[in-house]
Protein backbone atom coordinates (compact mmCIF):
# COMPACT_ATOMS: atom_id res chain seq x y z
CA MET A 1 31.12 -33.59 -3.20
CA THR A 2 27.87 -32.91 -4.39
CA ASP A 3 25.50 -35.67 -6.57
CA GLY A 4 25.89 -33.21 -9.92
CA LEU A 5 29.76 -33.94 -9.20
CA ARG A 6 29.45 -37.39 -8.41
CA TRP A 7 28.13 -38.29 -11.81
CA GLY A 8 30.64 -35.77 -13.42
CA ASP A 9 31.99 -38.81 -15.34
CA ALA A 10 28.46 -40.14 -16.49
CA TYR A 11 27.85 -36.15 -17.96
CA GLY A 12 30.91 -35.91 -19.08
CA THR A 13 31.33 -38.57 -20.83
CA THR A 14 27.84 -38.09 -22.67
CA ILE A 15 28.90 -34.86 -23.39
CA GLU A 16 32.05 -36.24 -25.05
CA ARG A 17 30.04 -38.59 -27.58
CA ILE A 18 27.47 -35.54 -28.04
CA LYS A 19 30.57 -33.26 -29.40
CA ALA A 20 32.20 -36.69 -31.58
CA GLN A 21 29.18 -36.78 -33.60
CA ASP A 22 29.38 -35.66 -37.17
CA GLU A 23 29.43 -31.86 -37.43
CA SER A 24 25.77 -30.51 -37.69
CA LYS A 25 24.51 -32.73 -34.88
CA SER A 26 27.30 -32.15 -32.68
CA SER A 27 27.10 -28.40 -33.73
CA LEU A 28 22.90 -28.64 -32.99
CA GLY A 29 23.40 -31.05 -29.62
CA MET A 30 25.56 -28.32 -27.41
CA GLU A 31 23.77 -25.25 -28.99
CA ALA A 32 20.50 -27.15 -27.62
CA LEU A 33 22.47 -28.12 -24.47
CA THR A 34 23.62 -23.99 -23.74
CA TRP A 35 20.00 -22.74 -24.06
CA VAL A 36 18.44 -25.55 -21.37
CA SER A 37 21.07 -25.21 -19.04
CA HIS A 38 21.41 -20.99 -19.30
CA ALA A 39 18.14 -19.99 -20.01
CA GLU A 40 16.20 -16.99 -17.77
CA ARG A 41 13.54 -19.52 -17.63
CA LEU A 42 12.04 -23.11 -18.78
CA LEU A 43 11.96 -22.79 -22.94
CA ARG A 44 8.76 -24.30 -24.59
CA GLY A 45 10.01 -26.67 -27.14
CA ASP A 46 9.17 -24.50 -30.42
CA GLU A 47 11.00 -21.60 -28.61
CA LEU A 48 14.00 -23.61 -28.38
CA CYS A 49 13.75 -24.84 -31.89
CA HIS A 50 13.29 -21.69 -33.33
CA ALA A 51 16.62 -20.23 -31.75
CA LEU A 52 18.65 -22.74 -33.07
CA ALA A 53 17.12 -21.61 -36.32
CA VAL A 54 18.46 -18.37 -36.28
CA GLU A 55 21.77 -17.74 -38.56
CA LEU A 56 24.00 -15.19 -37.24
CA GLY A 57 25.23 -12.30 -39.64
CA SER A 58 22.03 -13.00 -41.06
CA LYS A 59 19.50 -10.23 -41.63
CA ASP A 60 16.37 -12.81 -42.54
CA PHE A 61 15.27 -15.85 -40.34
CA ASN A 62 14.98 -19.23 -42.20
CA ALA A 63 11.99 -21.02 -41.24
CA ARG A 64 13.67 -23.88 -42.73
CA ASN A 65 16.20 -23.97 -40.91
CA VAL A 66 13.99 -24.74 -37.67
CA PRO A 67 14.77 -28.27 -36.43
CA SER A 68 12.37 -30.45 -34.72
CA ILE A 69 12.24 -31.28 -31.24
CA SER A 70 12.82 -35.37 -31.13
CA THR A 71 15.99 -33.97 -33.74
CA LEU A 72 16.78 -32.25 -30.21
CA GLU A 73 16.73 -35.33 -28.46
CA SER A 74 18.41 -37.23 -30.72
CA CYS A 75 21.62 -34.62 -30.58
CA CYS A 76 22.07 -33.94 -27.32
CA GLN A 77 22.14 -37.75 -25.95
CA GLY A 78 19.42 -38.00 -23.49
CA LEU A 79 20.31 -35.08 -21.62
CA ILE A 80 16.83 -33.08 -22.33
CA THR A 81 13.82 -34.10 -21.65
CA VAL A 82 10.52 -32.82 -22.77
CA GLU A 83 7.74 -32.59 -20.35
CA LYS A 84 4.34 -33.34 -22.57
CA GLU A 85 1.87 -31.51 -20.02
CA THR A 86 3.69 -27.90 -20.47
CA SER A 87 5.46 -28.84 -23.82
CA THR A 88 8.52 -27.26 -21.51
CA VAL A 89 12.39 -28.22 -22.37
CA ARG A 90 14.68 -28.82 -19.31
CA LEU A 91 17.63 -31.10 -18.35
CA ILE A 92 17.34 -34.71 -17.21
CA HIS A 93 17.72 -34.19 -13.65
CA PRO A 94 19.25 -31.21 -11.37
CA THR A 95 22.63 -32.83 -11.21
CA VAL A 96 23.43 -31.79 -14.91
CA LYS A 97 23.37 -28.56 -14.01
CA GLU A 98 25.29 -28.57 -11.39
CA TYR A 99 28.28 -30.37 -13.07
CA ILE A 100 27.78 -27.91 -16.01
CA SER A 101 28.36 -25.31 -13.60
CA SER A 102 31.34 -26.88 -12.12
CA ARG A 103 32.88 -26.55 -15.38
CA PRO A 104 32.91 -23.38 -17.07
CA ASP A 105 35.04 -25.08 -20.14
CA ILE A 106 32.23 -26.76 -21.73
CA PHE A 107 30.34 -23.63 -22.93
CA SER A 108 32.71 -20.37 -23.84
CA LYS A 109 30.77 -17.42 -23.41
CA PRO A 110 27.15 -18.84 -22.76
CA HIS A 111 25.47 -15.84 -21.95
CA ALA A 112 27.38 -13.81 -24.56
CA ALA A 113 26.15 -16.43 -27.56
CA MET A 114 22.59 -16.26 -26.42
CA ALA A 115 22.64 -12.11 -26.16
CA GLU A 116 23.84 -12.39 -30.01
CA ILE A 117 21.13 -15.11 -31.35
CA CYS A 118 18.43 -12.67 -29.60
CA LEU A 119 19.72 -9.80 -30.81
CA THR A 120 19.98 -11.18 -34.62
CA TYR A 121 16.58 -12.50 -34.22
CA LEU A 122 15.26 -9.42 -33.22
CA ASN A 123 16.98 -7.12 -35.94
CA SER A 124 15.71 -9.45 -38.45
CA LYS A 125 13.66 -7.95 -41.76
CA GLU A 126 10.58 -9.99 -39.92
CA VAL A 127 10.51 -8.59 -36.69
CA LYS A 128 11.59 -5.66 -37.46
CA SER A 129 8.68 -5.14 -40.53
CA LEU A 130 6.26 -5.87 -37.34
CA PRO A 131 4.36 -2.58 -36.21
CA ALA A 132 4.37 -2.54 -32.64
CA SER A 133 0.44 -2.68 -32.48
CA THR A 134 0.66 -5.65 -33.94
CA SER A 135 -0.57 -8.52 -32.03
CA ALA A 136 2.42 -10.99 -33.18
CA LEU A 137 0.87 -14.92 -33.18
CA SER A 138 3.01 -16.75 -30.58
CA HIS A 139 3.06 -19.60 -32.57
CA GLU A 140 4.33 -17.98 -35.49
CA ARG A 141 7.32 -16.26 -33.47
CA PRO A 142 7.76 -18.36 -30.39
CA PHE A 143 11.06 -16.79 -29.70
CA LEU A 144 9.93 -13.52 -29.85
CA GLY A 145 9.03 -13.24 -26.45
CA TYR A 146 11.80 -14.24 -24.61
CA CYS A 147 13.86 -12.48 -27.06
CA SER A 148 12.13 -9.13 -25.85
CA VAL A 149 12.34 -9.46 -22.11
CA TYR A 150 15.83 -11.62 -22.07
CA TRP A 151 18.39 -10.18 -24.32
CA GLY A 152 19.70 -7.52 -21.80
CA VAL A 153 19.50 -10.13 -18.92
CA HIS A 154 22.13 -12.17 -21.09
CA ALA A 155 23.95 -9.17 -22.09
CA ARG A 156 24.57 -7.31 -18.80
CA ARG A 157 25.87 -11.10 -17.45
CA GLU A 158 28.21 -11.21 -20.64
CA LEU A 159 28.46 -9.07 -23.54
CA SER A 160 31.10 -9.79 -26.57
CA ASP A 161 31.74 -7.16 -29.66
CA HIS A 162 29.37 -8.73 -31.78
CA ALA A 163 26.31 -8.69 -29.33
CA ARG A 164 27.62 -4.58 -28.58
CA SER A 165 26.98 -3.89 -32.52
CA LEU A 166 23.89 -5.64 -32.65
CA ALA A 167 22.75 -4.24 -29.33
CA LEU A 168 23.59 -0.76 -30.36
CA GLN A 169 21.64 -1.30 -33.91
CA LEU A 170 18.36 -2.05 -31.77
CA LEU A 171 18.67 0.77 -29.01
CA GLN A 172 18.56 2.94 -31.68
CA GLU A 173 15.88 1.95 -33.67
CA CYS A 174 13.84 0.29 -30.48
CA ASP A 175 10.53 3.13 -30.08
CA GLY A 176 8.50 1.38 -31.81
CA HIS A 177 10.06 -2.10 -32.19
CA ILE A 178 7.20 -4.89 -31.16
CA SER A 179 10.15 -6.16 -28.98
CA ILE A 180 8.86 -3.25 -26.47
CA LYS A 181 5.57 -4.51 -26.37
CA TYR A 182 6.66 -8.28 -25.38
CA LEU A 183 8.20 -6.56 -22.70
CA PHE A 184 5.96 -4.51 -20.89
CA ASN A 185 3.69 -6.94 -21.54
CA ALA A 186 5.89 -9.70 -19.71
CA GLU A 187 6.24 -6.93 -16.65
CA CYS A 188 2.83 -6.02 -16.33
CA ILE A 189 3.46 -2.40 -17.60
CA TRP A 190 0.62 -0.47 -18.39
CA PHE A 191 1.74 2.42 -21.00
CA PRO A 192 -0.25 4.61 -23.00
CA ARG A 193 0.47 4.90 -26.70
CA ASP A 194 1.13 8.19 -29.15
CA ARG A 195 -1.47 8.04 -32.20
CA HIS A 196 1.84 6.60 -34.37
CA GLY A 197 1.85 3.55 -32.01
CA GLY A 198 5.56 4.69 -30.47
CA LEU A 199 6.09 4.94 -26.56
CA MET A 200 8.48 7.50 -27.12
CA PHE A 201 10.41 5.21 -25.70
CA SER A 202 14.43 5.68 -26.62
CA GLY A 203 17.42 3.44 -26.35
CA LEU A 204 18.67 5.44 -23.68
CA HIS A 205 15.50 4.33 -21.52
CA LEU A 206 15.79 0.37 -22.67
CA ALA A 207 19.39 0.31 -21.81
CA SER A 208 18.85 1.95 -18.38
CA PHE A 209 15.99 -1.06 -17.76
CA PHE A 210 18.28 -3.63 -18.27
CA GLY A 211 20.89 -2.02 -16.76
CA VAL A 212 23.53 -2.44 -19.20
CA VAL A 213 26.06 0.05 -17.62
CA GLY A 214 28.20 -0.06 -21.52
CA PHE A 215 25.16 0.35 -23.42
CA VAL A 216 24.27 3.71 -21.19
CA ASP A 217 28.17 4.56 -21.46
CA THR A 218 28.05 4.64 -25.06
CA LEU A 219 24.63 6.12 -26.04
CA MET A 220 25.83 9.29 -23.75
CA GLU A 221 28.60 9.57 -25.39
CA MET A 222 26.71 9.71 -28.76
CA GLY A 223 24.75 12.13 -27.43
CA CYS A 224 21.99 10.62 -29.18
CA TYR A 225 19.68 10.92 -26.07
CA GLY A 226 18.65 13.42 -23.40
CA THR A 227 19.43 11.51 -19.84
CA ASP A 228 16.37 13.58 -18.44
CA THR A 229 14.02 12.95 -21.84
CA MET A 230 10.40 11.46 -20.59
CA ASP A 231 8.62 8.56 -22.36
CA LEU A 232 4.82 8.75 -22.69
CA SER A 233 4.38 7.65 -19.01
CA GLY A 234 6.70 10.34 -18.03
CA ARG A 235 9.83 7.89 -16.86
CA THR A 236 13.22 9.38 -17.38
CA PRO A 237 16.25 6.58 -18.01
CA LEU A 238 16.97 7.01 -14.46
CA ALA A 239 13.34 6.21 -13.27
CA TRP A 240 13.64 2.97 -15.12
CA ALA A 241 17.55 2.17 -14.15
CA ALA A 242 16.28 2.82 -10.27
CA ARG A 243 12.95 0.52 -10.85
CA GLY A 244 15.75 -2.31 -11.48
CA GLY A 245 17.81 -1.83 -9.11
CA HIS A 246 20.58 -1.05 -11.37
CA GLU A 247 23.18 0.62 -9.03
CA GLU A 248 26.05 1.53 -11.45
CA VAL A 249 23.84 2.85 -14.10
CA VAL A 250 21.98 4.98 -11.75
CA LYS A 251 25.44 6.68 -10.82
CA ILE A 252 26.35 7.07 -14.45
CA LEU A 253 23.17 9.05 -15.16
CA LEU A 254 23.48 11.17 -12.18
CA GLN A 255 27.28 12.22 -13.33
CA ARG A 256 27.60 12.34 -16.77
CA GLY A 257 24.34 13.39 -17.37
CA GLU A 258 21.84 16.30 -16.56
CA ALA A 259 19.21 13.82 -14.81
CA ASN A 260 17.24 15.06 -12.48
CA PRO A 261 16.60 12.89 -9.79
CA ASN A 262 13.49 14.84 -8.70
CA LYS A 263 11.41 14.71 -11.31
CA SER A 264 8.15 13.02 -11.23
CA ASP A 265 6.55 10.86 -13.89
CA ASN A 266 2.85 10.69 -14.83
CA GLU A 267 1.55 9.69 -11.45
CA GLY A 268 4.01 11.74 -9.67
CA ARG A 269 6.35 8.69 -9.06
CA THR A 270 10.21 9.56 -8.68
CA PRO A 271 13.16 7.22 -8.71
CA LEU A 272 13.35 7.44 -5.53
CA SER A 273 9.78 5.90 -4.70
CA HIS A 274 10.61 3.43 -7.64
CA ALA A 275 13.39 2.21 -6.07
CA ALA A 276 12.08 1.92 -2.60
CA CYS A 277 8.74 0.02 -4.31
CA HIS A 278 11.43 -2.60 -5.34
CA GLY A 279 13.32 -2.85 -1.93
CA HIS A 280 16.32 -2.05 -4.28
CA GLU A 281 18.30 -0.61 -0.70
CA GLY A 282 21.66 0.57 -2.95
CA VAL A 283 19.98 2.63 -5.33
CA VAL A 284 18.02 4.43 -2.41
CA LYS A 285 21.39 5.15 -0.55
CA VAL A 286 22.91 6.95 -3.69
CA LEU A 287 19.56 9.16 -4.27
CA LEU A 288 19.43 9.68 -0.63
CA GLY A 289 22.87 11.09 -0.53
CA ARG A 290 22.18 13.64 -3.45
CA GLY A 291 21.21 16.67 -1.36
CA GLU A 292 18.07 17.86 -3.30
CA VAL A 293 16.82 14.60 -3.30
CA SER A 294 13.70 14.81 -1.42
CA PRO A 295 12.35 11.15 0.61
CA ASP A 296 9.33 13.19 1.58
CA GLN A 297 7.82 14.16 -1.73
CA PRO A 298 4.69 12.59 -2.34
CA THR A 299 3.16 11.05 -5.18
CA THR A 300 -0.68 11.59 -6.80
CA TRP A 301 -2.30 9.75 -4.21
CA GLY A 302 0.36 11.00 -1.44
CA GLN A 303 2.62 7.97 -0.85
CA LYS A 304 6.01 8.65 0.11
CA LEU A 305 9.11 6.57 -0.14
CA LEU A 306 7.91 4.77 3.43
CA SER A 307 4.43 4.15 1.75
CA TRP A 308 6.29 2.21 -0.72
CA ALA A 309 9.06 0.45 1.23
CA THR A 310 6.19 -0.39 4.36
CA GLN A 311 3.91 -1.66 1.77
CA TYR A 312 5.87 -4.57 0.35
CA GLY A 313 8.05 -4.83 3.79
CA HIS A 314 11.45 -3.70 2.85
CA ALA A 315 12.76 -3.07 6.39
CA GLY A 316 16.55 -2.01 4.83
CA VAL A 317 14.62 0.60 2.90
CA VAL A 318 12.98 1.88 5.68
CA LYS A 319 15.80 2.36 8.13
CA MET A 320 17.35 4.57 6.22
CA PRO A 321 15.05 7.70 5.95
CA ILE A 322 13.20 7.50 8.68
CA ARG A 323 15.90 9.36 10.71
CA ARG A 324 15.93 12.43 8.45
CA GLU A 325 13.99 15.41 9.97
CA ALA A 326 12.19 16.13 6.44
CA VAL A 327 10.41 12.86 6.82
CA ASN A 328 7.15 12.18 9.23
CA PRO A 329 6.53 8.27 9.68
CA ASP A 330 2.87 9.35 10.65
CA ARG A 331 1.96 11.07 7.60
CA PRO A 332 -1.15 9.60 5.74
CA ASP A 333 -1.26 9.50 2.31
CA ASN A 334 -4.67 10.53 0.44
CA TYR A 335 -6.44 7.42 1.86
CA GLY A 336 -5.42 7.84 5.27
CA ASN A 337 -3.34 5.40 5.19
CA THR A 338 0.40 5.82 6.99
CA PRO A 339 3.26 4.13 6.77
CA LEU A 340 2.64 1.98 10.07
CA LYS A 341 -1.00 1.38 9.04
CA GLU A 342 0.03 -0.37 5.73
CA ALA A 343 3.28 -2.54 7.24
CA ALA A 344 0.94 -3.58 10.22
CA ARG A 345 -2.11 -4.38 7.75
CA ARG A 346 0.18 -6.10 5.82
CA GLY A 347 1.66 -8.10 8.44
CA HIS A 348 5.11 -6.87 7.83
CA LYS A 349 6.20 -7.53 11.56
CA GLU A 350 10.35 -6.57 11.61
CA VAL A 351 9.30 -2.65 9.64
CA VAL A 352 6.10 -2.68 12.00
CA LYS A 353 9.09 -2.78 14.91
CA ILE A 354 11.15 -0.15 13.46
CA LEU A 355 8.34 2.17 12.82
CA LEU A 356 6.77 2.12 16.55
CA ALA A 357 10.75 2.48 17.94
CA TYR A 358 10.20 6.45 16.16
CA GLN A 359 8.72 8.82 18.74
CA LYS A 360 6.40 10.43 16.04
CA VAL A 361 4.37 7.69 15.37
CA ASP A 362 1.25 7.05 16.78
CA PRO A 363 0.16 3.65 16.95
CA ASP A 364 -3.29 5.16 17.96
CA LYS A 365 -4.05 7.51 15.37
CA PRO A 366 -7.56 7.01 13.46
CA ASP A 367 -8.06 6.75 9.81
CA THR A 368 -10.68 7.86 8.07
CA TRP A 369 -13.41 5.23 9.20
CA LYS A 370 -11.95 5.73 12.67
CA THR A 371 -9.92 2.34 12.97
CA THR A 372 -6.59 2.43 14.16
CA LEU A 373 -3.82 -0.06 13.76
CA LEU A 374 -5.20 -2.54 16.11
CA TRP A 375 -8.24 -2.73 14.43
CA HIS A 376 -6.45 -3.60 11.52
CA ALA A 377 -4.42 -6.39 13.23
CA ALA A 378 -7.39 -7.74 14.62
CA VAL A 379 -9.16 -8.08 11.15
CA GLY A 380 -6.20 -9.48 9.67
CA GLY A 381 -5.65 -12.02 12.70
CA ASP A 382 -2.12 -11.15 13.10
CA GLU A 383 -0.77 -11.83 16.65
CA GLY A 384 2.49 -10.47 16.35
CA ALA A 385 1.42 -6.87 15.16
CA ALA A 386 -1.19 -6.93 17.93
CA LYS A 387 1.19 -7.61 20.59
CA ILE A 388 3.67 -5.24 19.73
CA LEU A 389 0.76 -2.47 19.53
CA LEU A 390 -0.61 -3.70 22.77
CA GLY A 391 2.56 -2.74 24.48
CA ARG A 392 2.45 0.70 23.83
CA GLU A 393 0.69 3.01 26.11
CA GLU A 394 -1.34 4.88 23.58
CA ALA A 395 -3.08 2.02 22.45
CA ASP A 396 -7.06 1.42 23.49
CA PRO A 397 -7.33 -2.29 23.19
CA ASP A 398 -11.43 -1.58 23.55
CA LYS A 399 -11.94 1.45 21.40
CA GLN A 400 -15.10 1.20 18.66
CA ASP A 401 -14.85 2.18 15.35
CA ARG A 402 -17.98 4.26 13.78
CA THR A 403 -20.40 1.12 13.81
CA GLY A 404 -19.60 0.72 17.65
CA ARG A 405 -17.64 -2.49 17.34
CA THR A 406 -14.57 -3.47 19.28
CA LEU A 407 -11.29 -5.14 18.46
CA LEU A 408 -12.70 -7.93 20.32
CA SER A 409 -15.74 -7.86 17.89
CA GLU A 410 -14.18 -7.89 14.57
CA ALA A 411 -11.36 -10.83 15.62
CA ALA A 412 -14.19 -12.91 17.06
CA SER A 413 -16.37 -12.48 13.73
CA LYS A 414 -13.28 -13.03 11.75
CA GLY A 415 -12.51 -16.46 13.88
CA HIS A 416 -8.98 -15.41 14.50
CA GLU A 417 -8.86 -17.22 17.66
CA GLY A 418 -5.34 -16.05 18.85
CA VAL A 419 -5.75 -12.22 18.52
CA VAL A 420 -9.29 -13.00 20.99
CA LYS A 421 -7.19 -14.16 23.54
CA ILE A 422 -4.51 -12.04 23.86
CA LEU A 423 -7.74 -9.31 23.70
CA LEU A 424 -9.43 -11.24 26.51
CA GLY A 425 -6.16 -10.62 28.69
CA CYS A 426 -6.26 -7.10 28.50
CA GLN A 427 -7.90 -5.72 31.56
CA LYS A 428 -9.69 -2.84 29.81
CA VAL A 429 -11.35 -4.70 27.07
CA ASN A 430 -15.14 -5.68 27.83
CA PRO A 431 -15.87 -8.85 26.09
CA ASP A 432 -19.66 -8.39 26.10
CA LYS A 433 -19.66 -4.82 24.45
CA PRO A 434 -22.53 -4.27 22.14
CA ASP A 435 -22.21 -2.36 18.81
CA ILE A 436 -24.40 0.40 17.65
CA HIS A 437 -27.02 -2.60 16.78
CA GLY A 438 -26.60 -4.34 20.00
CA GLN A 439 -24.41 -7.05 19.18
CA THR A 440 -21.65 -8.69 21.09
CA PRO A 441 -18.87 -9.92 20.24
CA LEU A 442 -20.45 -13.58 21.29
CA SER A 443 -23.13 -12.41 18.74
CA ARG A 444 -21.24 -11.68 16.12
CA ALA A 445 -18.73 -15.11 16.27
CA ALA A 446 -22.07 -16.87 16.37
CA GLU A 447 -23.61 -15.57 13.42
CA TYR A 448 -20.61 -15.92 11.35
CA GLY A 449 -20.35 -19.95 12.37
CA ARG A 450 -16.83 -19.41 14.17
CA GLU A 451 -17.15 -22.67 16.79
CA GLU A 452 -13.49 -22.06 18.25
CA VAL A 453 -14.08 -18.49 19.12
CA VAL A 454 -17.67 -19.21 20.23
CA LYS A 455 -15.90 -22.00 22.62
CA ILE A 456 -13.72 -19.50 24.10
CA LEU A 457 -16.24 -16.54 24.68
CA LEU A 458 -18.43 -18.84 26.54
CA GLU A 459 -15.71 -19.61 29.32
CA ARG A 460 -15.98 -15.80 30.68
CA LYS A 461 -18.36 -15.09 33.42
CA ASP A 462 -18.40 -11.92 32.12
CA VAL A 463 -20.00 -12.83 28.84
CA ARG A 464 -23.76 -13.32 28.67
CA PRO A 465 -24.90 -15.83 26.28
CA ASN A 466 -28.43 -15.48 25.90
CA ARG A 467 -27.65 -11.02 25.42
CA ALA A 468 -30.37 -10.07 22.84
CA ASP A 469 -29.52 -7.49 20.40
CA TYR A 470 -31.41 -3.98 20.08
CA HIS A 471 -33.74 -6.02 16.95
CA GLY A 472 -34.29 -9.35 20.20
CA GLU A 473 -32.35 -11.27 18.44
CA THR A 474 -29.86 -13.50 20.35
CA PRO A 475 -26.31 -15.28 19.68
CA LEU A 476 -28.11 -18.40 19.36
CA GLY A 477 -31.03 -16.60 17.58
CA HIS A 478 -27.79 -15.34 14.86
CA ALA A 479 -26.61 -18.96 14.60
CA VAL A 480 -30.12 -20.59 13.91
CA TRP A 481 -30.54 -17.83 11.22
CA SER A 482 -27.21 -18.77 9.36
CA CYS A 483 -27.81 -22.93 9.78
CA HIS A 484 -24.70 -23.12 11.77
CA LYS A 485 -25.26 -26.38 13.71
CA GLU A 486 -22.07 -26.80 15.46
CA VAL A 487 -22.93 -23.31 16.88
CA ILE A 488 -26.39 -24.40 17.78
CA ALA A 489 -25.21 -27.46 19.68
CA LEU A 490 -22.93 -25.27 21.58
CA LEU A 491 -25.08 -22.61 23.16
CA GLU A 492 -28.11 -24.86 23.50
CA ALA A 493 -25.16 -27.24 25.54
CA HIS A 494 -23.99 -24.23 27.53
CA ALA A 495 -27.68 -23.36 28.08
CA GLN A 496 -28.13 -26.32 29.71
CA LEU A 497 -25.21 -26.43 31.99
CA THR A 498 -25.59 -23.10 32.93
CA PRO A 499 -28.46 -22.02 35.93
CA ALA A 500 -31.30 -20.19 35.31
C-alpha cells in the first residue's frame, strides 16, 4: 500500500470538510483542488485565481470574480500551499496526488472541465479583441499563457460536448488569435508573419498540432480547410501532427484527405523528418508504410531521416529505415556530417552500434576538416564510442588531421584520461608524434595544464619529456608560460629522476 493510500482516511475526511462548507466556498475549494491536482504544470497563484474567475457560458471575463489566494487556501482546508520563492501553488504533499489518483470518483471528468474553462477564456471578448501582434502583459492576463498552451492537451484527454462546441468556435477563428503567439513562444517555434499579423494557421493546423482526433474529423467533414494547406512556415496539418507524434491524426489525414506526405516546408523538412527528429516511432512507421514516402529526401541543409534521428539519439527510429536500399547511412549532409559522425559526436552509443553494424558505413571517413569519427570521440572524451570505433579494421588510431594533430594529441589537450589510456593501448599509436608546429601530445597536455594526462604520458618510455617543438619550446616551457604549477612540478621532478 502506498503512502497516499495510508493517508487516505485523513485526506478523505479533509475533502468531505471542503464539501461541507457553504456552497460558494465548497465550489471554490473543489475547483481549486481540481486545477492544482490536474494541471499540466505547476500554476502560479495569479494563474489559478484567474482560472477560477472564469464563468462558463459567459462571453465576458469579470475581473471582480478573481478570488484572493488566501481565500483559496482557506477553502481548500490546508490541502494546497503557496511557495513564497516561486509563487506557485502545489498540494501539501505528493501523497495527496496519489490519493486523488486512486479515487476517480472525487472529480467528474476534470480535464473536460478544465478544457471548457480554458476555451471559455480564449473565446471571451477581452481575449479575442487582442491583436496577435500585441505583447499582452502577463500580469494583466496571467491565465492566457496556460490556456493557449494546454487547452488542447486537456481536450485530448477528455472531451465534453460543451468543450467541443467552444473548441470549434476557436478553431474557426484561430488565425490571428493571440493564443497562437503564446503557443509558439512556449514551444520555441519561430514563425514569419504576414503584414496583417496572421500566420495562415488554420483550425486544421491547430487541431493537428494538439492531436485531437475528434476536431480533425469534424473540420475535415466541414470541408473548410484543405488538408494540404501550408501555413507561413510551409508546414501542413500533416507536418504538425507528425511533429507531435499524433499517430491517429496522421492516419486520418493520409486516409481521408489529399495530404502529400512528401511535402516540404520552408526549411525543406518533410513530415517524416519532423517525426524522426522527435523520436515518434509510430508516426515514422506509418509514413514509411507509404510507398511514395522517401526516407532519404534531404532538407535545405542536406539532412535526411537518419540525420535527424541520430542527432537526437532515437535508436528505435534509426532501426526502421536503415535496411532500405534507398537509404545511405554514410551519406554526409551539406556540412560533411554523416549520421554516424553525429551519433558519435553526441555520445549516442546505441545508435553508433546500430550504424556500425551496417556494411555501407565507413567509420574512418573524413569530413571537410579531415577529421574522423574517432577524432570526435577523442575530442568529446567518449570512451565507449572510441572503443567501438577502434574495434573496426578501417579505423586508424594514429591518423592526423589537417594540423597534423593525432587523436592522442587532441584527447591529451582536453584532459580525457580514459580515451588517452585507450589510445595508448593501440600498437599503431605513436605517443610522441608531433603536429605541424612540432608539439607532441605531452607538450599540449602540459600547455593546457592536464596534470593526470601528463602523469600517464611520463610513464611511457617512448615519450621524450624534453622534446622541443619547432619554436624551441619544451613541454616544461609551455607549462611555465601557462602558469600550470602542478604540471611544472611534475615535469621538474621527472627531469631530476631521469638520467641525462
